[in-house]
Amino acid sequence: MIGDVLINGELSPGTIPVTDSAVVRGDGCFEVMKLYGGRPFGLEEHLDRLQQSAAALGIELPARDDVRSWIESAAIQHGDGLVRVIVTRGSSVPGVEEPSNVIVFGHPGPVIAPSVRLFPVEAPWHAAGVDWDLAGAKILSYAPNQAASRRARNEGFDDALLASIEGVVLEGPTFSVAWVVEGVLETPTLDLWILDSITRRVVLEEAERMGLEVVEGSWSLDRLAEASEVMALSTVREVQAISAIGALAFEAGTVTSRLATAFRHIVS
């Protein structure tokens, strides 16, 4: 159940004008934070990324301390749920003057299965290493990614794995990916303009602390045939085993298990 909705810090019935650019154009940015006992994990890192996304869009945010307090207020109501922050541009309709909005609300998180099966989907909309104005920004316009997830489910899988038109592994629609080849943890490089996932950052740091070699690079889908285990990384999924990618099947291996345990220890 959704808790109180704050719009620019004010308790609201949860509505924004239909003329807002988020409604008309999908023009804005967002963040999602997972709560552990009412505490948002990685709050400052999420605020950093929100500021970077808003700056890329040319949207001025309220004071950081204000946004932080709104998030903490929403978090109190949802012990181990999620808090969402949505930033809109304001009116995109000529002659209608409306400011940007910062919408904050909490809700329960989904039940996450122990493993997930992915279907590779070509993603021509993804920057895939080509620099552009919004490269790396966490923007609202996720319709192509959602379409990829639906395509995967229609094919009998749980979700999608996005690949460039050249067949380079990118990320999931809402998560990062990593895999193990001969004891080395490999993951697509941020130079491909995949999202700079906060969970991904933490997991890679933990892998290095464990003595694992970590390589960030660019690989084709064929590389996954050499992997002994594959994992999805995200705020909601944490560290989740990937049991299949198309026709390839994988076991939930020891590296995935160790990283999942280490991540859970950090957030608990």
Protein backbone atom coordinates (compact mmCIF):
# COMPACT_ATOMS: atom_id res chain seq x y z
CA MET A 1 0.00 0.00 0.00
CA ILE A 2 1.31 3.46 -0.92
CA GLY A 3 1.90 5.73 2.06
CA ASP A 4 1.72 9.48 2.22
CA VAL A 5 2.65 11.26 -1.00
CA LEU A 6 4.76 14.39 -0.66
CA ILE A 7 4.86 16.88 -3.52
CA ASN A 8 7.54 19.52 -2.93
CA GLY A 9 7.41 18.58 0.74
CA GLU A 10 3.68 19.08 1.14
CA LEU A 11 1.27 16.26 1.97
CA SER A 12 -0.77 15.67 -1.14
CA PRO A 13 -3.61 13.42 -2.32
CA GLY A 14 -1.12 12.21 -4.93
CA THR A 15 -2.00 14.19 -8.04
CA ILE A 16 -0.02 16.35 -10.43
CA PRO A 17 -1.41 18.52 -13.27
CA VAL A 18 -2.14 16.68 -16.51
CA THR A 19 -0.15 19.42 -18.24
CA ASP A 20 3.05 18.43 -16.41
CA SER A 21 5.83 17.34 -18.74
CA ALA A 22 6.14 14.02 -16.87
CA VAL A 23 2.62 13.18 -18.03
CA VAL A 24 2.71 14.76 -21.48
CA ARG A 25 6.31 13.94 -22.46
CA GLY A 26 7.78 11.59 -19.86
CA ASP A 27 10.25 14.41 -19.18
CA GLY A 28 11.92 14.07 -15.79
CA CYS A 29 14.15 11.85 -13.67
CA PHE A 30 13.80 9.53 -10.70
CA GLU A 31 15.44 7.42 -8.02
CA VAL A 32 14.36 4.33 -6.10
CA MET A 33 15.81 3.49 -2.69
CA LYS A 34 15.40 0.25 -0.78
CA LEU A 35 14.65 0.52 2.91
CA TYR A 36 16.13 -1.60 5.66
CA GLY A 37 14.32 -1.01 8.95
CA GLY A 38 13.09 2.33 7.63
CA ARG A 39 16.60 3.40 6.54
CA PRO A 40 17.20 4.19 2.86
CA PHE A 41 20.34 2.40 1.70
CA GLY A 42 22.84 4.57 -0.16
CA LEU A 43 20.79 7.72 0.41
CA GLU A 44 23.62 10.16 -0.32
CA GLU A 45 24.69 8.24 -3.42
CA HIS A 46 21.10 8.26 -4.70
CA LEU A 47 20.87 12.00 -4.03
CA ASP A 48 24.13 12.52 -5.95
CA ARG A 49 22.74 10.63 -8.95
CA LEU A 50 19.42 12.48 -8.76
CA GLN A 51 21.28 15.78 -8.89
CA GLN A 52 23.33 14.61 -11.86
CA SER A 53 20.20 13.45 -13.72
CA ALA A 54 18.34 16.69 -12.99
CA ALA A 55 21.35 18.74 -14.12
CA ALA A 56 21.51 16.81 -17.40
CA LEU A 57 17.83 17.62 -17.95
CA GLY A 58 18.27 21.27 -16.96
CA ILE A 59 15.89 20.96 -13.99
CA GLU A 60 16.75 22.79 -10.78
CA LEU A 61 16.15 20.74 -7.65
CA PRO A 62 15.15 22.08 -4.23
CA ALA A 63 17.82 22.18 -1.54
CA ARG A 64 19.43 18.78 -1.01
CA ASP A 65 18.62 18.86 2.72
CA ASP A 66 14.93 19.32 1.89
CA VAL A 67 14.83 16.39 -0.52
CA ARG A 68 16.68 14.24 2.01
CA SER A 69 14.18 15.09 4.75
CA TRP A 70 11.23 14.26 2.45
CA ILE A 71 12.76 10.87 1.68
CA GLU A 72 13.41 10.13 5.35
CA SER A 73 9.84 11.12 6.20
CA ALA A 74 8.42 8.69 3.62
CA ALA A 75 10.85 5.96 4.68
CA ILE A 76 9.56 5.87 8.25
CA GLN A 77 6.23 4.45 7.04
CA HIS A 78 7.71 1.52 5.09
CA GLY A 79 10.20 -0.41 7.19
CA ASP A 80 11.62 -2.72 4.50
CA GLY A 81 9.88 -1.33 1.43
CA LEU A 82 10.92 1.19 -1.19
CA VAL A 83 10.92 4.97 -1.54
CA ARG A 84 10.55 6.60 -4.94
CA VAL A 85 11.56 10.13 -5.87
CA ILE A 86 10.17 11.51 -9.13
CA VAL A 87 11.26 14.88 -10.50
CA THR A 88 9.14 16.52 -13.19
CA ARG A 89 9.86 19.55 -15.33
CA GLY A 90 6.51 21.28 -14.83
CA SER A 91 4.17 22.36 -17.60
CA SER A 92 5.04 21.59 -21.21
CA VAL A 93 1.84 23.18 -22.54
CA PRO A 94 2.25 26.66 -24.08
CA GLY A 95 0.61 29.35 -21.97
CA VAL A 96 0.42 27.16 -18.85
CA GLU A 97 2.93 28.14 -16.18
CA GLU A 98 3.63 25.39 -13.64
CA PRO A 99 6.84 24.72 -11.71
CA SER A 100 8.74 21.47 -11.55
CA ASN A 101 7.69 18.96 -8.91
CA VAL A 102 9.55 16.61 -6.61
CA ILE A 103 7.24 13.71 -5.70
CA VAL A 104 8.26 11.38 -2.87
CA PHE A 105 6.36 8.30 -1.70
CA GLY A 106 6.97 4.88 -0.23
CA HIS A 107 5.47 1.49 -0.97
CA PRO A 108 6.12 -2.19 -0.26
CA GLY A 109 8.75 -3.93 -2.35
CA PRO A 110 8.05 -6.91 -4.62
CA VAL A 111 8.82 -10.49 -3.72
CA ILE A 112 12.11 -11.39 -5.41
CA ALA A 113 12.63 -14.94 -6.64
CA PRO A 114 15.95 -16.71 -5.92
CA SER A 115 16.79 -16.66 -9.64
CA VAL A 116 15.61 -15.13 -12.88
CA ARG A 117 15.50 -16.27 -16.53
CA LEU A 118 16.40 -13.66 -19.16
CA PHE A 119 15.67 -13.36 -22.87
CA PRO A 120 18.17 -11.32 -24.96
CA VAL A 121 16.52 -8.31 -26.62
CA GLU A 122 18.21 -5.96 -29.07
CA ALA A 123 18.03 -2.40 -27.72
CA PRO A 124 18.55 0.14 -30.54
CA TRP A 125 17.42 2.95 -28.21
CA HIS A 126 20.32 2.37 -25.80
CA ALA A 127 23.33 4.71 -26.05
CA ALA A 128 25.66 1.66 -25.93
CA GLY A 129 28.79 3.81 -25.70
CA VAL A 130 27.65 6.74 -27.85
CA ASP A 131 27.82 9.97 -25.84
CA TRP A 132 24.77 12.24 -25.83
CA ASP A 133 23.17 14.86 -23.59
CA LEU A 134 21.36 12.42 -21.29
CA ALA A 135 23.87 9.57 -21.32
CA GLY A 136 23.97 8.02 -17.86
CA ALA A 137 20.97 9.97 -16.54
CA LYS A 138 18.17 8.06 -14.79
CA ILE A 139 15.29 9.54 -16.77
CA LEU A 140 11.58 8.76 -16.60
CA SER A 141 11.29 7.58 -20.19
CA TYR A 142 11.53 3.83 -19.58
CA ALA A 143 8.92 2.80 -22.15
CA PRO A 144 11.46 1.00 -24.42
CA ASN A 145 12.86 -0.92 -21.44
CA GLN A 146 9.38 -1.89 -20.30
CA ALA A 147 8.57 -3.08 -23.83
CA ALA A 148 11.71 -5.26 -23.70
CA SER A 149 10.51 -6.83 -20.43
CA ARG A 150 7.11 -7.56 -21.97
CA ARG A 151 8.77 -9.09 -25.02
CA ALA A 152 10.79 -11.38 -22.77
CA ARG A 153 7.71 -12.46 -20.81
CA ASN A 154 5.86 -13.15 -24.05
CA GLU A 155 8.76 -15.46 -24.97
CA GLY A 156 8.30 -17.36 -21.70
CA PHE A 157 11.09 -15.70 -19.69
CA ASP A 158 11.04 -13.53 -16.57
CA ASP A 159 12.76 -10.46 -17.96
CA ALA A 160 15.07 -9.17 -20.68
CA LEU A 161 18.80 -8.79 -21.17
CA LEU A 162 19.49 -5.76 -23.36
CA ALA A 163 22.13 -5.96 -26.07
CA SER A 164 23.29 -3.35 -28.56
CA ILE A 165 22.52 -3.72 -32.27
CA GLU A 166 26.09 -5.05 -32.59
CA GLY A 167 25.31 -7.75 -30.01
CA VAL A 168 27.21 -6.21 -27.08
CA VAL A 169 25.89 -7.09 -23.61
CA LEU A 170 24.53 -3.98 -21.87
CA GLU A 171 22.21 -4.41 -18.86
CA GLY A 172 18.72 -5.48 -17.87
CA PRO A 173 15.77 -3.10 -18.22
CA THR A 174 16.06 -2.23 -14.51
CA PHE A 175 19.26 -3.93 -13.35
CA SER A 176 22.95 -4.43 -14.04
CA VAL A 177 24.52 -7.78 -14.89
CA ALA A 178 27.79 -9.51 -14.08
CA TRP A 179 29.17 -13.00 -14.64
CA VAL A 180 32.07 -15.25 -13.74
CA VAL A 181 34.55 -16.68 -16.26
CA GLU A 182 37.37 -18.80 -14.86
CA GLY A 183 37.10 -17.13 -11.46
CA VAL A 184 37.08 -13.57 -12.83
CA LEU A 185 34.05 -11.33 -12.26
CA GLU A 186 33.20 -9.54 -15.50
CA THR A 187 30.64 -6.77 -16.01
CA PRO A 188 29.82 -4.29 -18.79
CA THR A 189 31.78 -1.06 -18.49
CA LEU A 190 30.13 2.26 -17.64
CA ASP A 191 31.69 3.54 -20.89
CA LEU A 192 28.75 1.76 -22.58
CA TRP A 193 26.50 4.26 -20.76
CA ILE A 194 24.75 1.61 -18.72
CA LEU A 195 23.31 3.03 -15.52
CA ASP A 196 25.91 3.66 -12.82
CA SER A 197 24.09 1.34 -10.42
CA ILE A 198 24.79 1.94 -6.75
CA THR A 199 24.30 -1.76 -5.99
CA ARG A 200 26.77 -2.56 -8.79
CA ARG A 201 29.34 -0.23 -7.24
CA VAL A 202 29.03 -1.87 -3.82
CA VAL A 203 29.14 -5.40 -5.21
CA LEU A 204 32.27 -4.74 -7.28
CA GLU A 205 33.99 -3.23 -4.25
CA GLU A 206 33.05 -6.27 -2.16
CA ALA A 207 34.29 -8.63 -4.88
CA GLU A 208 37.69 -6.94 -4.84
CA ARG A 209 37.80 -7.12 -1.03
CA MET A 210 37.20 -10.86 -1.35
CA GLY A 211 40.24 -11.13 -3.60
CA LEU A 212 38.28 -11.63 -6.80
CA GLU A 213 39.63 -10.12 -9.99
CA VAL A 214 37.07 -7.69 -11.43
CA VAL A 215 37.13 -6.68 -15.09
CA GLU A 216 34.85 -4.05 -16.60
CA GLY A 217 34.71 -4.23 -20.38
CA SER A 218 32.73 -4.78 -23.54
CA TRP A 219 31.68 -8.29 -24.54
CA SER A 220 29.35 -9.83 -27.08
CA LEU A 221 26.53 -12.14 -26.05
CA ASP A 222 28.73 -15.07 -27.07
CA ARG A 223 30.90 -14.40 -24.02
CA LEU A 224 28.09 -15.60 -21.76
CA ALA A 225 28.49 -19.14 -23.10
CA GLU A 226 31.83 -19.21 -21.24
CA ALA A 227 30.35 -18.05 -17.92
CA SER A 228 29.97 -20.44 -15.00
CA GLU A 229 27.46 -18.19 -13.21
CA VAL A 230 25.62 -14.95 -13.97
CA MET A 231 23.93 -12.46 -11.67
CA ALA A 232 21.57 -9.46 -11.71
CA LEU A 233 22.39 -6.46 -9.51
CA SER A 234 19.93 -3.74 -8.48
CA THR A 235 18.39 -1.86 -5.59
CA VAL A 236 15.35 -4.13 -5.60
CA ARG A 237 16.99 -7.44 -6.59
CA GLU A 238 20.20 -6.92 -4.57
CA VAL A 239 22.33 -9.84 -5.90
CA GLN A 240 20.12 -12.33 -7.75
CA ALA A 241 21.23 -15.44 -9.61
CA ILE A 242 20.44 -15.62 -13.32
CA SER A 243 19.54 -19.22 -14.18
CA ALA A 244 19.11 -18.81 -17.95
CA ILE A 245 19.85 -16.40 -20.78
CA GLY A 246 18.04 -17.60 -23.85
CA ALA A 247 19.09 -21.21 -24.41
CA LEU A 248 22.02 -20.97 -21.97
CA ALA A 249 21.49 -22.38 -18.49
CA PHE A 250 23.50 -21.49 -15.37
CA GLU A 251 23.79 -22.78 -11.82
CA ALA A 252 23.61 -20.47 -8.82
CA GLY A 253 27.32 -20.53 -8.04
CA THR A 254 29.48 -19.78 -5.02
CA VAL A 255 30.56 -16.31 -6.21
CA THR A 256 26.95 -15.17 -6.55
CA SER A 257 26.15 -16.62 -3.13
CA ARG A 258 29.16 -14.98 -1.47
CA LEU A 259 28.41 -11.60 -3.00
CA ALA A 260 24.73 -11.83 -2.06
CA THR A 261 25.70 -12.64 1.54
CA ALA A 262 28.24 -9.82 1.66
CA PHE A 263 25.73 -7.31 0.29
CA ARG A 264 23.07 -8.43 2.75
CA HIS A 265 25.59 -8.01 5.59
CA ILE A 266 26.29 -4.42 4.48
CA VAL A 267 22.65 -3.39 4.38
CA SER A 268 21.54 -5.21 7.55
